[in-house]
Each structure stands twice: as C-alpha cells, then as structure tokens.
C-alpha atoms as a PDB file:
ATOM      1  CA  MET A   1       2.196   8.784  -5.406  1.00  0.00           C
ATOM      2  CA  SER A   2      -0.295   6.935  -3.178  1.00  0.00           C
ATOM      3  CA  VAL A   3      -2.310   8.630  -0.190  1.00  0.00           C
ATOM      4  CA  PHE A   4      -1.115   5.680   1.615  1.00  0.00           C
ATOM      5  CA  GLY A   5       2.479   5.140   0.712  1.00  0.00           C
ATOM      6  CA  LEU A   6       3.123   8.627   2.148  1.00  0.00           C
ATOM      7  CA  LEU A   7       2.242   7.496   5.608  1.00  0.00           C
ATOM      8  CA  PHE A   8       0.151  10.568   6.166  1.00  0.00           C
ATOM      9  CA  ILE A   9      -1.889   9.333   8.741  1.00  0.00           C
ATOM     10  CA  ALA A  10       1.544   8.701  10.988  1.00  0.00           C
ATOM     11  CA  TRP A  11       2.242  12.294  10.087  1.00  0.00           C
ATOM     12  CA  LEU A  12      -0.770  13.597  11.002  1.00  0.00           C
ATOM     13  CA  SER A  13      -1.035  11.628  14.293  1.00  0.00           C
ATOM     14  CA  LYS A  14       2.256  13.238  15.333  1.00  0.00           C
ATOM     15  CA  ASN A  15       1.234  16.462  14.571  1.00  0.00           C
ATOM     16  CA  VAL A  16      -2.181  16.678  15.947  1.00  0.00           C
ATOM     17  CA  LEU A  17      -4.189  17.426  13.008  1.00  0.00           C
ATOM     18  CA  ARG A  18      -7.470  16.589  11.809  1.00  0.00           C
ATOM     19  CA  GLY A  19      -9.289  16.450   8.481  1.00  0.00           C
ATOM     20  CA  PHE A  20      -9.189  13.974   5.399  1.00  0.00           C
ATOM     21  CA  VAL A  21      -7.035  12.358   2.849  1.00  0.00           C
ATOM     22  CA  GLN A  22      -8.017  11.060  -0.358  1.00  0.00           C
ATOM     23  CA  ASN A  23      -7.023   9.339  -3.393  1.00  0.00           C
ATOM     24  CA  ARG A  24      -7.841  11.031  -6.608  1.00  0.00           C
ATOM     25  CA  PRO A  25      -6.663  10.600 -10.440  1.00  0.00           C
ATOM     26  CA  ASP A  26      -4.760  13.840 -10.216  1.00  0.00           C
ATOM     27  CA  GLY A  27      -2.996  12.906  -7.143  1.00  0.00           C
ATOM     28  CA  VAL A  28      -3.594  13.099  -3.362  1.00  0.00           C
ATOM     29  CA  LEU A  29      -5.663  15.486  -1.650  1.00  0.00           C
ATOM     30  CA  VAL A  30      -5.119  16.133   2.100  1.00  0.00           C
ATOM     31  CA  GLU A  31      -7.228  18.455   4.434  1.00  0.00           C
ATOM     32  CA  VAL A  32      -5.751  19.653   7.426  1.00  0.00           C
ATOM     33  CA  GLU A  33      -6.478  21.449  10.345  1.00  0.00           C
ATOM     34  CA  GLY A  34      -4.443  22.137  13.402  1.00  0.00           C
ATOM     35  CA  THR A  35      -2.330  24.551  14.665  1.00  0.00           C
ATOM     36  CA  GLY A  36      -0.018  26.946  12.445  1.00  0.00           C
ATOM     37  CA  ALA A  37       3.148  24.842  13.653  1.00  0.00           C
ATOM     38  CA  ALA A  38       1.564  21.541  13.416  1.00  0.00           C
ATOM     39  CA  ILE A  39       0.404  22.302   9.573  1.00  0.00           C
ATOM     40  CA  ASP A  40       3.812  23.616   9.119  1.00  0.00           C
ATOM     41  CA  SER A  41       5.326  20.565  10.267  1.00  0.00           C
ATOM     42  CA  PHE A  42       3.577  18.342   8.633  1.00  0.00           C
ATOM     43  CA  LEU A  43       4.257  20.124   5.300  1.00  0.00           C
ATOM     44  CA  ALA A  44       7.809  19.974   5.808  1.00  0.00           C
ATOM     45  CA  GLY A  45       7.174  16.304   6.339  1.00  0.00           C
ATOM     46  CA  ILE A  46       6.155  15.943   3.253  1.00  0.00           C
ATOM     47  CA  ARG A  47       8.992  17.260   1.575  1.00  0.00           C
ATOM     48  CA  GLN A  48      12.018  16.112   4.113  1.00  0.00           C
ATOM     49  CA  GLU A  49      10.498  12.804   5.552  1.00  0.00           C
ATOM     50  CA  LEU A  50       9.298  10.592   2.501  1.00  0.00           C
ATOM     51  CA  PRO A  51       9.473   7.077   2.657  1.00  0.00           C
ATOM     52  CA  PRO A  52      11.585   5.167   0.247  1.00  0.00           C
ATOM     53  CA  LEU A  53       8.879   4.784  -2.487  1.00  0.00           C
ATOM     54  CA  ALA A  54       7.357   8.140  -2.119  1.00  0.00           C
ATOM     55  CA  ASP A  55       7.828  10.417  -5.123  1.00  0.00           C
ATOM     56  CA  VAL A  56       6.317  14.170  -4.708  1.00  0.00           C
ATOM     57  CA  THR A  57       6.198  16.092  -8.070  1.00  0.00           C
ATOM     58  CA  ASN A  58       4.385  18.996  -6.801  1.00  0.00           C
ATOM     59  CA  ILE A  59       2.805  20.285  -3.638  1.00  0.00           C
ATOM     60  CA  SER A  60       0.193  23.199  -3.416  1.00  0.00           C
ATOM     61  CA  ALA A  61      -1.572  24.508  -0.062  1.00  0.00           C
ATOM     62  CA  GLU A  62      -4.013  26.980   0.185  1.00  0.00           C
ATOM     63  CA  GLU A  63      -6.151  27.878   3.370  1.00  0.00           C
ATOM     64  CA  ILE A  64      -9.576  26.903   3.519  1.00  0.00           C
ATOM     65  CA  ALA A  65     -12.831  27.624   5.657  1.00  0.00           C
ATOM     66  CA  LEU A  66     -12.347  25.211   8.728  1.00  0.00           C
ATOM     67  CA  ARG A  67     -14.880  22.216   8.738  1.00  0.00           C
ATOM     68  CA  THR A  68     -14.083  21.598  12.698  1.00  0.00           C
ATOM     69  CA  ASP A  69     -13.471  17.903  11.823  1.00  0.00           C
ATOM     70  CA  ASP A  70     -13.263  15.729  15.054  1.00  0.00           C
ATOM     71  CA  ASN A  71     -10.228  13.439  14.027  1.00  0.00           C
ATOM     72  CA  PHE A  72      -8.333  12.647  10.702  1.00  0.00           C
ATOM     73  CA  ARG A  73      -9.406  10.087   8.260  1.00  0.00           C
ATOM     74  CA  ILE A  74      -9.303   8.235   5.085  1.00  0.00           C
ATOM     75  CA  ILE A  75     -11.890   9.037   2.614  1.00  0.00           C
ATOM     76  CA  ALA A  76     -13.438   7.184  -0.362  1.00  0.00           C
ATOM     77  CA  SER A  77     -11.181   7.614  -3.491  1.00  0.00           C
ATOM     78  CA  ASP A  78     -12.453  10.440  -6.032  1.00  0.00           C
ATOM     79  CA  THR A  79     -12.530   8.339  -9.426  1.00  0.00           C
ATOM     80  CA  GLN A  80     -13.801  11.636 -11.441  1.00  0.00           C
ATOM     81  CA  GLY A  81     -11.514  13.742 -13.826  1.00  0.00           C
ATOM     82  CA  ASP A  82      -8.386  13.376 -15.812  1.00  0.00           C
ATOM     83  CA  GLY A  83      -5.666  11.137 -14.617  1.00  0.00           C
ATOM     84  CA  ASP A  84      -2.210  12.328 -13.969  1.00  0.00           C
ATOM     85  CA  VAL A  85      -0.279  10.053 -11.234  1.00  0.00           C
ATOM     86  CA  HIS A  86       2.722   8.562 -11.869  1.00  0.00           C
ATOM     87  CA  ILE A  87       2.556   4.585 -10.722  1.00  0.00           C
ATOM     88  CA  SER A  88       5.996   3.594  -9.379  1.00  0.00           C
ATOM     89  CA  PRO A  89       7.485   0.494 -11.229  1.00  0.00           C
ATOM     90  CA  ASP A  90       7.268  -2.953  -9.549  1.00  0.00           C
ATOM     91  CA  ILE A  91      10.133  -3.047  -6.603  1.00  0.00           C
ATOM     92  CA  ALA A  92      12.300  -5.845  -5.411  1.00  0.00           C
ATOM     93  CA  ILE A  93      10.873  -7.819  -2.212  1.00  0.00           C
ATOM     94  CA  CYS A  94      12.612  -5.594   0.628  1.00  0.00           C
ATOM     95  CA  ARG A  95      14.547  -7.485   3.897  1.00  0.00           C
ATOM     96  CA  ASP A  96      11.761  -7.678   5.708  1.00  0.00           C
ATOM     97  CA  CYS A  97       9.565  -9.302   3.361  1.00  0.00           C
ATOM     98  CA  LEU A  98      12.111 -11.285   2.185  1.00  0.00           C
ATOM     99  CA  LYS A  99      13.047 -12.462   6.068  1.00  0.00           C
ATOM    100  CA  GLU A 100       9.084 -13.785   6.584  1.00  0.00           C
ATOM    101  CA  LEU A 101       9.277 -15.598   2.860  1.00  0.00           C
ATOM    102  CA  PHE A 102      12.115 -17.544   4.299  1.00  0.00           C
ATOM    103  CA  ASP A 103      10.986 -17.980   8.161  1.00  0.00           C
ATOM    104  CA  PRO A 104       8.998 -21.489   8.423  1.00  0.00           C
ATOM    105  CA  GLN A 105       7.429 -19.850  11.635  1.00  0.00           C
ATOM    106  CA  ASP A 106       6.086 -17.033   9.606  1.00  0.00           C
ATOM    107  CA  ARG A 107       2.375 -17.232   8.308  1.00  0.00           C
ATOM    108  CA  ARG A 108       3.777 -15.937   4.967  1.00  0.00           C
ATOM    109  CA  TYR A 109       6.264 -18.479   4.628  1.00  0.00           C
ATOM    110  CA  ARG A 110       7.043 -18.874   1.004  1.00  0.00           C
ATOM    111  CA  THR A 111       4.142 -16.852  -0.036  1.00  0.00           C
ATOM    112  CA  LEU A 112       3.464 -15.381  -3.281  1.00  0.00           C
ATOM    113  CA  LEU A 113       3.260 -11.637  -2.681  1.00  0.00           C
ATOM    114  CA  SER A 114       4.383 -11.473   0.567  1.00  0.00           C
ATOM    115  CA  ILE A 115       4.825  -7.593   0.426  1.00  0.00           C
ATOM    116  CA  GLY A 116       4.575  -4.613   2.433  1.00  0.00           C
ATOM    117  CA  THR A 117       4.526  -0.733   1.168  1.00  0.00           C
ATOM    118  CA  ASN A 118       7.949  -0.748   0.449  1.00  0.00           C
ATOM    119  CA  CYS A 119       8.335  -3.424  -1.988  1.00  0.00           C
ATOM    120  CA  GLY A 120       6.076  -5.818  -4.561  1.00  0.00           C
ATOM    121  CA  PRO A 121       4.002  -4.856  -7.528  1.00  0.00           C
ATOM    122  CA  ARG A 122       2.513  -1.824  -8.657  1.00  0.00           C
ATOM    123  CA  LEU A 123       2.639  -1.021 -12.350  1.00  0.00           C
ATOM    124  CA  THR A 124       2.026  -4.707 -13.157  1.00  0.00           C
ATOM    125  CA  ILE A 125      -0.981  -4.818 -10.977  1.00  0.00           C
ATOM    126  CA  ILE A 126      -2.979  -2.019 -11.408  1.00  0.00           C
ATOM    127  CA  LYS A 127      -5.920  -1.682 -13.981  1.00  0.00           C
ATOM    128  CA  SER A 128      -7.132   2.010 -13.472  1.00  0.00           C
ATOM    129  CA  ILE A 129      -6.378   5.005 -10.925  1.00  0.00           C
ATOM    130  CA  PRO A 130      -6.481   5.811  -8.253  1.00  0.00           C
ATOM    131  CA  TYR A 131      -4.161   3.174  -7.203  1.00  0.00           C
ATOM    132  CA  ASP A 132      -6.672   1.681  -5.002  1.00  0.00           C
ATOM    133  CA  ARG A 133      -7.009  -2.300  -4.361  1.00  0.00           C
ATOM    134  CA  ILE A 134     -10.090  -2.408  -6.227  1.00  0.00           C
ATOM    135  CA  ASN A 135      -8.333  -0.984  -9.252  1.00  0.00           C
ATOM    136  CA  THR A 136      -5.797  -3.811  -9.032  1.00  0.00           C
ATOM    137  CA  SER A 137      -5.426  -7.480  -9.789  1.00  0.00           C
ATOM    138  CA  MET A 138      -5.718  -8.020  -6.602  1.00  0.00           C
ATOM    139  CA  ALA A 139      -9.476  -7.038  -6.229  1.00  0.00           C
ATOM    140  CA  CYS A 140     -10.954 -10.927  -6.491  1.00  0.00           C
ATOM    141  CA  PHE A 141      -8.891 -12.004  -3.853  1.00  0.00           C
ATOM    142  CA  PRO A 142     -10.631 -10.224  -0.263  1.00  0.00           C
ATOM    143  CA  LEU A 143      -8.254  -9.962   2.516  1.00  0.00           C
ATOM    144  CA  CYS A 144      -8.700 -12.493   5.186  1.00  0.00           C
ATOM    145  CA  PRO A 145      -9.147 -10.708   8.523  1.00  0.00           C
ATOM    146  CA  GLN A 146      -5.277 -10.593   9.346  1.00  0.00           C
ATOM    147  CA  CYS A 147      -4.641  -9.196   6.580  1.00  0.00           C
ATOM    148  CA  ARG A 148      -7.301  -6.804   6.945  1.00  0.00           C
ATOM    149  CA  ALA A 149      -6.049  -5.657  10.299  1.00  0.00           C
ATOM    150  CA  GLU A 150      -2.566  -5.338   8.530  1.00  0.00           C
ATOM    151  CA  TYR A 151      -4.192  -3.106   6.135  1.00  0.00           C
ATOM    152  CA  GLU A 152      -6.011  -0.996   8.071  1.00  0.00           C
ATOM    153  CA  ASN A 153      -3.619  -0.314  10.798  1.00  0.00           C
ATOM    154  CA  PRO A 154      -1.468   2.719  10.580  1.00  0.00           C
ATOM    155  CA  ALA A 155       1.242   1.765  12.128  1.00  0.00           C
ATOM    156  CA  ASP A 156       1.905  -1.472  10.156  1.00  0.00           C
ATOM    157  CA  ARG A 157       4.227  -1.524   7.349  1.00  0.00           C
ATOM    158  CA  ARG A 158       1.385  -3.152   5.510  1.00  0.00           C
ATOM    159  CA  PHE A 159      -1.054  -0.412   5.845  1.00  0.00           C
ATOM    160  CA  HIS A 160      -2.821   0.057   2.556  1.00  0.00           C
ATOM    161  CA  ALA A 161      -0.257  -2.110   0.939  1.00  0.00           C
ATOM    162  CA  GLU A 162      -2.662  -2.665  -2.096  1.00  0.00           C
ATOM    163  CA  PRO A 163      -0.750  -6.179  -3.352  1.00  0.00           C
ATOM    164  CA  ASN A 164      -1.389  -7.239   0.775  1.00  0.00           C
ATOM    165  CA  ALA A 165      -1.694 -11.140   0.843  1.00  0.00           C
ATOM    166  CA  CYS A 166      -0.936 -14.341   2.583  1.00  0.00           C
ATOM    167  CA  PRO A 167      -1.626 -17.942   1.795  1.00  0.00           C
ATOM    168  CA  VAL A 168      -5.081 -17.744   3.247  1.00  0.00           C
ATOM    169  CA  CYS A 169      -6.622 -14.883   1.226  1.00  0.00           C
ATOM    170  CA  GLY A 170      -4.134 -14.372  -1.895  1.00  0.00           C
ATOM    171  CA  ALA A 171      -3.144 -16.039  -5.158  1.00  0.00           C
ATOM    172  CA  THR A 172      -1.487 -19.364  -5.456  1.00  0.00           C
ATOM    173  CA  ILE A 173       0.852 -20.798  -7.691  1.00  0.00           C
ATOM    174  CA  GLN A 174       1.346 -24.732  -8.656  1.00  0.00           C
ATOM    175  CA  LEU A 175       3.334 -26.621 -11.191  1.00  0.00           C
ATOM    176  CA  LEU A 176       1.699 -28.552 -13.469  1.00  0.00           C
ATOM    177  CA  ASP A 177       2.463 -31.138 -16.049  1.00  0.00           C
ATOM    178  CA  GLU A 178       1.475 -31.064 -19.752  1.00  0.00           C
ATOM    179  CA  LYS A 179      -2.043 -33.260 -19.049  1.00  0.00           C
ATOM    180  CA  GLY A 180      -2.850 -29.960 -16.351  1.00  0.00           C
ATOM    181  CA  ASN A 181      -1.988 -32.408 -13.475  1.00  0.00           C
ATOM    182  CA  LYS A 182      -0.485 -31.128 -10.253  1.00  0.00           C
ATOM    183  CA  VAL A 183       3.445 -32.069 -10.071  1.00  0.00           C
ATOM    184  CA  SER A 184       4.384 -33.101  -6.781  1.00  0.00           C
ATOM    185  CA  THR A 185       7.838 -31.720  -5.465  1.00  0.00           C
ATOM    186  CA  ASP A 186       9.708 -32.324  -2.533  1.00  0.00           C
ATOM    187  CA  GLU A 187       9.918 -29.281  -0.247  1.00  0.00           C
ATOM    188  CA  SER A 188      13.566 -28.052  -1.316  1.00  0.00           C
ATOM    189  CA  ASP A 189      12.685 -27.656  -4.574  1.00  0.00           C
ATOM    190  CA  GLN A 190       9.219 -25.946  -3.679  1.00  0.00           C
ATOM    191  CA  GLY A 191      10.785 -22.726  -2.970  1.00  0.00           C
ATOM    192  CA  CYS A 192      12.784 -22.043  -6.201  1.00  0.00           C
ATOM    193  CA  TYR A 193       9.464 -23.066  -8.016  1.00  0.00           C
ATOM    194  CA  TRP A 194       7.428 -19.973  -6.238  1.00  0.00           C
ATOM    195  CA  ILE A 195      10.640 -17.731  -6.496  1.00  0.00           C
ATOM    196  CA  ALA A 196      11.334 -18.466 -10.276  1.00  0.00           C
END
C-alpha cells in the first residue's frame, strides 16, 4: 500500500485533521490531530472508502501526546527498517488515461506511461521500498513543471502517481532498423508501435 494511493490528504482535508503521513518500509505511518469525531471518521474512511487499488492489510491506532501541528503534510519517507510492504502488480490503463492517450488535443496524446494513481506500472518499475519515485526506474526522468503540479496537487488523479510523465519529461520509444536508424512510420502506424 502506498501513502499516496490511499489519498489520505483528501480524507484529512474533509475531516479537518492536522499531522503528517509518511511512507515507510513496513507500510504507512499517519499521525493525526483533531476532534474525536473527525478522527473516527478518518479511521472509518480508511476501512470503507478505499480507492480501487488500495489494499490495507492491517490498521493499528493509539493515542499519543499532541504535537499541535498547524496543518497536514507529507513528510519525507523513512527508509530504515525491515520491509513489509506489498507492492501492487502493474495495472492496465484506466478509462481516463485511455481517453487522454487517443485524444489529439490532449498533451499526453500517444504518450508512453500516461497514467494516474488507478493504473500503470508498479511492480516492474520499483527498485526498492518505500514506493517513492526516487526508488523506481522513473527516477531518471525529472518531472516537468506541468507534471510536477499534478504530482503535488491532492485533488489531481496523478497526485503522487510515481510513474507520472508526459512527452516533455518522460520516456520515449522509437522503432529502429537493424543498423540502429530510426524507422519512419506514418501516423496511423505509430500508435500501434507505441502500444504494442
């Protein structure tokens, strides 16, 4: 389970909670402050309102001393400790991403890895846990300003989607002949090569 895949920020905003969320090798650590009702609503949401790819295997909660945080934030991942995280398999492209893939007006038209949090590669791109972009094969592709804005926006479906990319900042694919020369294709064939 990924911190960001669960969209904790959305629940926390809805429930007016403060604190932090952190990816760790053994799962996710969430510390929240708020009214008892807001915290109960948050815990119920984790159990009942999961996004399609989320899989919670265990939840434990305990009261701790208040830190009087001013807001809710994502803090840097903790990379220490034994790993016990279940990385989801690669997921087929979702309807939203498929629509973008074939829309000539969309900036992701025919783009490799046009994905959100509900689809795309997971297991095949991860190098180590926690599941952060820096620990995936996408680490060598810095996000462009538009993709960075999506990645950092809790209301966006690409919020912390680690493989997020576009033609400006993502991987590209080419068809080469036996000598390494780029093969020119007409536009009708190009989509087939990219999807195959």
